[in-house]
C-alpha atoms as a PDB file:
ATOM      1  CA  UNK A   1       0.000   0.000   0.000  1.00  0.00           C
ATOM      2  CA  UNK A   2       2.847   2.396   0.776  1.00  0.00           C
ATOM      3  CA  UNK A   3       4.180   1.957  -2.780  1.00  0.00           C
ATOM      4  CA  UNK A   4       0.692   2.582  -4.181  1.00  0.00           C
ATOM      5  CA  UNK A   5       0.341   5.787  -2.144  1.00  0.00           C
ATOM      6  CA  UNK A   6       3.763   6.941  -3.301  1.00  0.00           C
ATOM      7  CA  UNK A   7       2.890   6.126  -6.910  1.00  0.00           C
ATOM      8  CA  UNK A   8      -0.429   8.017  -6.742  1.00  0.00           C
ATOM      9  CA  UNK A   9       1.190  11.010  -5.067  1.00  0.00           C
ATOM     10  CA  UNK A  10       3.981  11.117  -7.636  1.00  0.00           C
ATOM     11  CA  UNK A  11       1.564  10.905 -10.586  1.00  0.00           C
ATOM     12  CA  UNK A  12      -0.679  13.527  -8.977  1.00  0.00           C
ATOM     13  CA  UNK A  13       2.270  15.869  -8.468  1.00  0.00           C
ATOM     14  CA  UNK A  14       3.247  15.560 -12.141  1.00  0.00           C
ATOM     15  CA  UNK A  15      -0.334  16.327 -13.144  1.00  0.00           C
ATOM     16  CA  UNK A  16      -0.417  19.320 -10.788  1.00  0.00           C
ATOM     17  CA  UNK A  17       2.816  20.684 -12.257  1.00  0.00           C
ATOM     18  CA  UNK A  18       1.518  20.147 -15.812  1.00  0.00           C
ATOM     19  CA  UNK A  19      -1.751  21.943 -15.090  1.00  0.00           C
ATOM     20  CA  UNK A  20      -3.833  18.771 -15.376  1.00  0.00           C
ATOM     21  CA  UNK A  21      -5.783  19.606 -12.243  1.00  0.00           C
ATOM     22  CA  UNK A  22      -8.683  17.111 -12.542  1.00  0.00           C
ATOM     23  CA  UNK A  23      -6.164  14.273 -12.904  1.00  0.00           C
ATOM     24  CA  UNK A  24      -4.162  15.653  -9.983  1.00  0.00           C
ATOM     25  CA  UNK A  25      -7.277  15.638  -7.791  1.00  0.00           C
ATOM     26  CA  UNK A  26      -8.052  12.083  -8.890  1.00  0.00           C
ATOM     27  CA  UNK A  27      -4.620  10.734  -7.939  1.00  0.00           C
ATOM     28  CA  UNK A  28      -4.287  12.753  -4.735  1.00  0.00           C
ATOM     29  CA  UNK A  29      -7.698  11.419  -3.706  1.00  0.00           C
ATOM     30  CA  UNK A  30      -6.564   7.856  -4.410  1.00  0.00           C
ATOM     31  CA  UNK A  31      -3.504   8.420  -2.219  1.00  0.00           C
ATOM     32  CA  UNK A  32      -5.627   9.913   0.562  1.00  0.00           C
ATOM     33  CA  UNK A  33      -7.817   6.814   0.669  1.00  0.00           C
ATOM     34  CA  UNK A  34      -4.841   4.902   2.068  1.00  0.00           C
ATOM     35  CA  UNK A  35      -2.954   7.739   3.761  1.00  0.00           C
ATOM     36  CA  UNK A  36      -5.642  10.124   5.042  1.00  0.00           C
ATOM     37  CA  UNK A  37      -3.328  11.656   7.657  1.00  0.00           C
ATOM     38  CA  UNK A  38      -0.782  13.036   5.181  1.00  0.00           C
ATOM     39  CA  UNK A  39      -0.920  16.837   5.435  1.00  0.00           C
ATOM     40  CA  UNK A  40       1.233  17.415   2.345  1.00  0.00           C
ATOM     41  CA  UNK A  41      -1.188  15.462   0.170  1.00  0.00           C
ATOM     42  CA  UNK A  42      -4.094  17.452   1.623  1.00  0.00           C
ATOM     43  CA  UNK A  43      -2.160  20.658   0.916  1.00  0.00           C
ATOM     44  CA  UNK A  44      -1.535  19.607  -2.687  1.00  0.00           C
ATOM     45  CA  UNK A  45      -5.078  18.440  -3.394  1.00  0.00           C
ATOM     46  CA  UNK A  46      -6.248  21.806  -2.040  1.00  0.00           C
ATOM     47  CA  UNK A  47      -3.941  23.529  -4.506  1.00  0.00           C
ATOM     48  CA  UNK A  48      -5.375  21.447  -7.343  1.00  0.00           C
ATOM     49  CA  UNK A  49      -8.922  22.345  -6.272  1.00  0.00           C
ATOM     50  CA  UNK A  50      -7.962  26.031  -6.110  1.00  0.00           C
ATOM     51  CA  UNK A  51      -6.630  25.840  -9.656  1.00  0.00           C
ATOM     52  CA  UNK A  52      -9.951  24.315 -10.703  1.00  0.00           C
ATOM     53  CA  UNK A  53     -11.701  27.407  -9.294  1.00  0.00           C
ATOM     54  CA  UNK A  54     -13.189  25.318  -6.516  1.00  0.00           C
ATOM     55  CA  UNK A  55     -12.374  27.401  -3.434  1.00  0.00           C
ATOM     56  CA  UNK A  56     -14.712  25.520  -1.107  1.00  0.00           C
ATOM     57  CA  UNK A  57     -13.032  22.136  -1.632  1.00  0.00           C
ATOM     58  CA  UNK A  58      -9.608  23.825  -1.620  1.00  0.00           C
ATOM     59  CA  UNK A  59     -10.257  25.346   1.788  1.00  0.00           C
ATOM     60  CA  UNK A  60     -11.688  22.087   3.122  1.00  0.00           C
ATOM     61  CA  UNK A  61      -8.544  20.247   2.027  1.00  0.00           C
ATOM     62  CA  UNK A  62      -6.277  22.885   3.579  1.00  0.00           C
ATOM     63  CA  UNK A  63      -8.312  22.808   6.786  1.00  0.00           C
ATOM     64  CA  UNK A  64      -7.852  19.042   6.915  1.00  0.00           C
ATOM     65  CA  UNK A  65      -4.112  19.474   6.330  1.00  0.00           C
ATOM     66  CA  UNK A  66      -3.957  21.865   9.270  1.00  0.00           C
ATOM     67  CA  UNK A  67      -5.425  19.230  11.585  1.00  0.00           C
ATOM     68  CA  UNK A  68      -2.334  17.099  10.944  1.00  0.00           C
ATOM     69  CA  UNK A  69       0.221  19.906  11.249  1.00  0.00           C
ATOM     70  CA  UNK A  70       1.767  21.125  14.503  1.00  0.00           C
ATOM     71  CA  UNK A  71       2.573  24.842  14.518  1.00  0.00           C
ATOM     72  CA  UNK A  72       5.270  24.199  17.134  1.00  0.00           C
ATOM     73  CA  UNK A  73       7.059  21.752  14.838  1.00  0.00           C
ATOM     74  CA  UNK A  74       9.616  23.637  12.688  1.00  0.00           C
ATOM     75  CA  UNK A  75       9.218  21.029   9.933  1.00  0.00           C
ATOM     76  CA  UNK A  76       5.524  21.904   9.641  1.00  0.00           C
ATOM     77  CA  UNK A  77       5.854  25.697   9.586  1.00  0.00           C
ATOM     78  CA  UNK A  78       6.533  25.881   5.851  1.00  0.00           C
ATOM     79  CA  UNK A  79       3.335  23.969   5.066  1.00  0.00           C
ATOM     80  CA  UNK A  80       1.323  26.091   7.502  1.00  0.00           C
ATOM     81  CA  UNK A  81       2.674  29.254   5.882  1.00  0.00           C
ATOM     82  CA  UNK A  82       1.872  27.860   2.424  1.00  0.00           C
ATOM     83  CA  UNK A  83      -1.691  27.143   3.496  1.00  0.00           C
ATOM     84  CA  UNK A  84      -2.081  30.658   4.927  1.00  0.00           C
ATOM     85  CA  UNK A  85      -0.761  32.158   1.696  1.00  0.00           C
ATOM     86  CA  UNK A  86      -3.025  29.946  -0.437  1.00  0.00           C
ATOM     87  CA  UNK A  87      -6.085  30.865   1.611  1.00  0.00           C
ATOM     88  CA  UNK A  88      -5.320  34.564   1.138  1.00  0.00           C
ATOM     89  CA  UNK A  89      -4.931  34.102  -2.621  1.00  0.00           C
ATOM     90  CA  UNK A  90      -8.224  32.201  -2.834  1.00  0.00           C
ATOM     91  CA  UNK A  91      -9.978  34.769  -0.629  1.00  0.00           C
ATOM     92  CA  UNK A  92      -8.795  37.592  -2.911  1.00  0.00           C
ATOM     93  CA  UNK A  93      -9.932  35.680  -5.993  1.00  0.00           C
ATOM     94  CA  UNK A  94     -13.337  34.980  -4.474  1.00  0.00           C
ATOM     95  CA  UNK A  95     -13.686  38.636  -3.453  1.00  0.00           C
ATOM     96  CA  UNK A  96     -12.713  39.766  -6.956  1.00  0.00           C
ATOM     97  CA  UNK A  97     -15.272  37.377  -8.444  1.00  0.00           C
ATOM     98  CA  UNK A  98     -17.975  38.622  -6.077  1.00  0.00           C
ATOM     99  CA  UNK A  99     -17.067  42.222  -6.938  1.00  0.00           C
ATOM    100  CA  UNK A 100     -17.167  41.522 -10.684  1.00  0.00           C
ATOM    101  CA  UNK A 101     -20.500  39.733 -10.367  1.00  0.00           C
ATOM    102  CA  UNK A 102     -21.916  42.641  -8.325  1.00  0.00           C
ATOM    103  CA  UNK A 103     -20.648  45.086 -10.951  1.00  0.00           C
ATOM    104  CA  UNK A 104     -22.200  43.010 -13.741  1.00  0.00           C
ATOM    105  CA  UNK A 105     -25.501  42.978 -11.871  1.00  0.00           C
ATOM    106  CA  UNK A 106     -25.291  46.729 -11.356  1.00  0.00           C
ATOM    107  CA  UNK A 107     -24.567  47.289 -15.058  1.00  0.00           C
ATOM    108  CA  UNK A 108     -27.469  45.025 -16.049  1.00  0.00           C
ATOM    109  CA  UNK A 109     -29.811  47.020 -13.799  1.00  0.00           C
ATOM    110  CA  UNK A 110     -28.543  50.296 -15.258  1.00  0.00           C
ATOM    111  CA  UNK A 111     -29.022  49.024 -18.810  1.00  0.00           C
ATOM    112  CA  UNK A 112     -32.517  47.800 -17.956  1.00  0.00           C
ATOM    113  CA  UNK A 113     -33.398  51.230 -16.502  1.00  0.00           C
ATOM    114  CA  UNK A 114     -31.973  52.934 -19.580  1.00  0.00           C
ATOM    115  CA  UNK A 115     -33.968  50.683 -21.924  1.00  0.00           C
ATOM    116  CA  UNK A 116     -37.112  51.336 -19.915  1.00  0.00           C
ATOM    117  CA  UNK A 117     -36.477  55.082 -20.147  1.00  0.00           C
ATOM    118  CA  UNK A 118     -36.094  54.829 -23.948  1.00  0.00           C
ATOM    119  CA  UNK A 119     -39.242  52.696 -24.265  1.00  0.00           C
ATOM    120  CA  UNK A 120     -41.211  55.113 -22.092  1.00  0.00           C
ATOM    121  CA  UNK A 121     -39.943  58.065 -24.140  1.00  0.00           C
ATOM    122  CA  UNK A 122     -40.980  56.412 -27.414  1.00  0.00           C
ATOM    123  CA  UNK A 123     -44.506  55.570 -26.324  1.00  0.00           C
END
């Protein structure tokens, strides 16, 4: 099983690096079935989800990774910092998306009001 987990993680990492995010998620998930306590795999699957524009699953994966990391362990600090940085990036992206969607909605309302004004003027 350890070889299988290593194989899945290695294949997933190649897919992640090549931008093949659905395949990366698939192989990271296979690895996590047999090694669910591996924070680095949770961190990486979260990164793949983030690249798929799936912030909810990304944050869930990173939250799971954090449950297996000890902030007092110097070996874990880099992963904790990476998760914090990733969460900030995703939060900014989500906020930008929400802002763009709100602006689109505002523009649609303004256009609708303008069209109504023109229709009313031509009646």
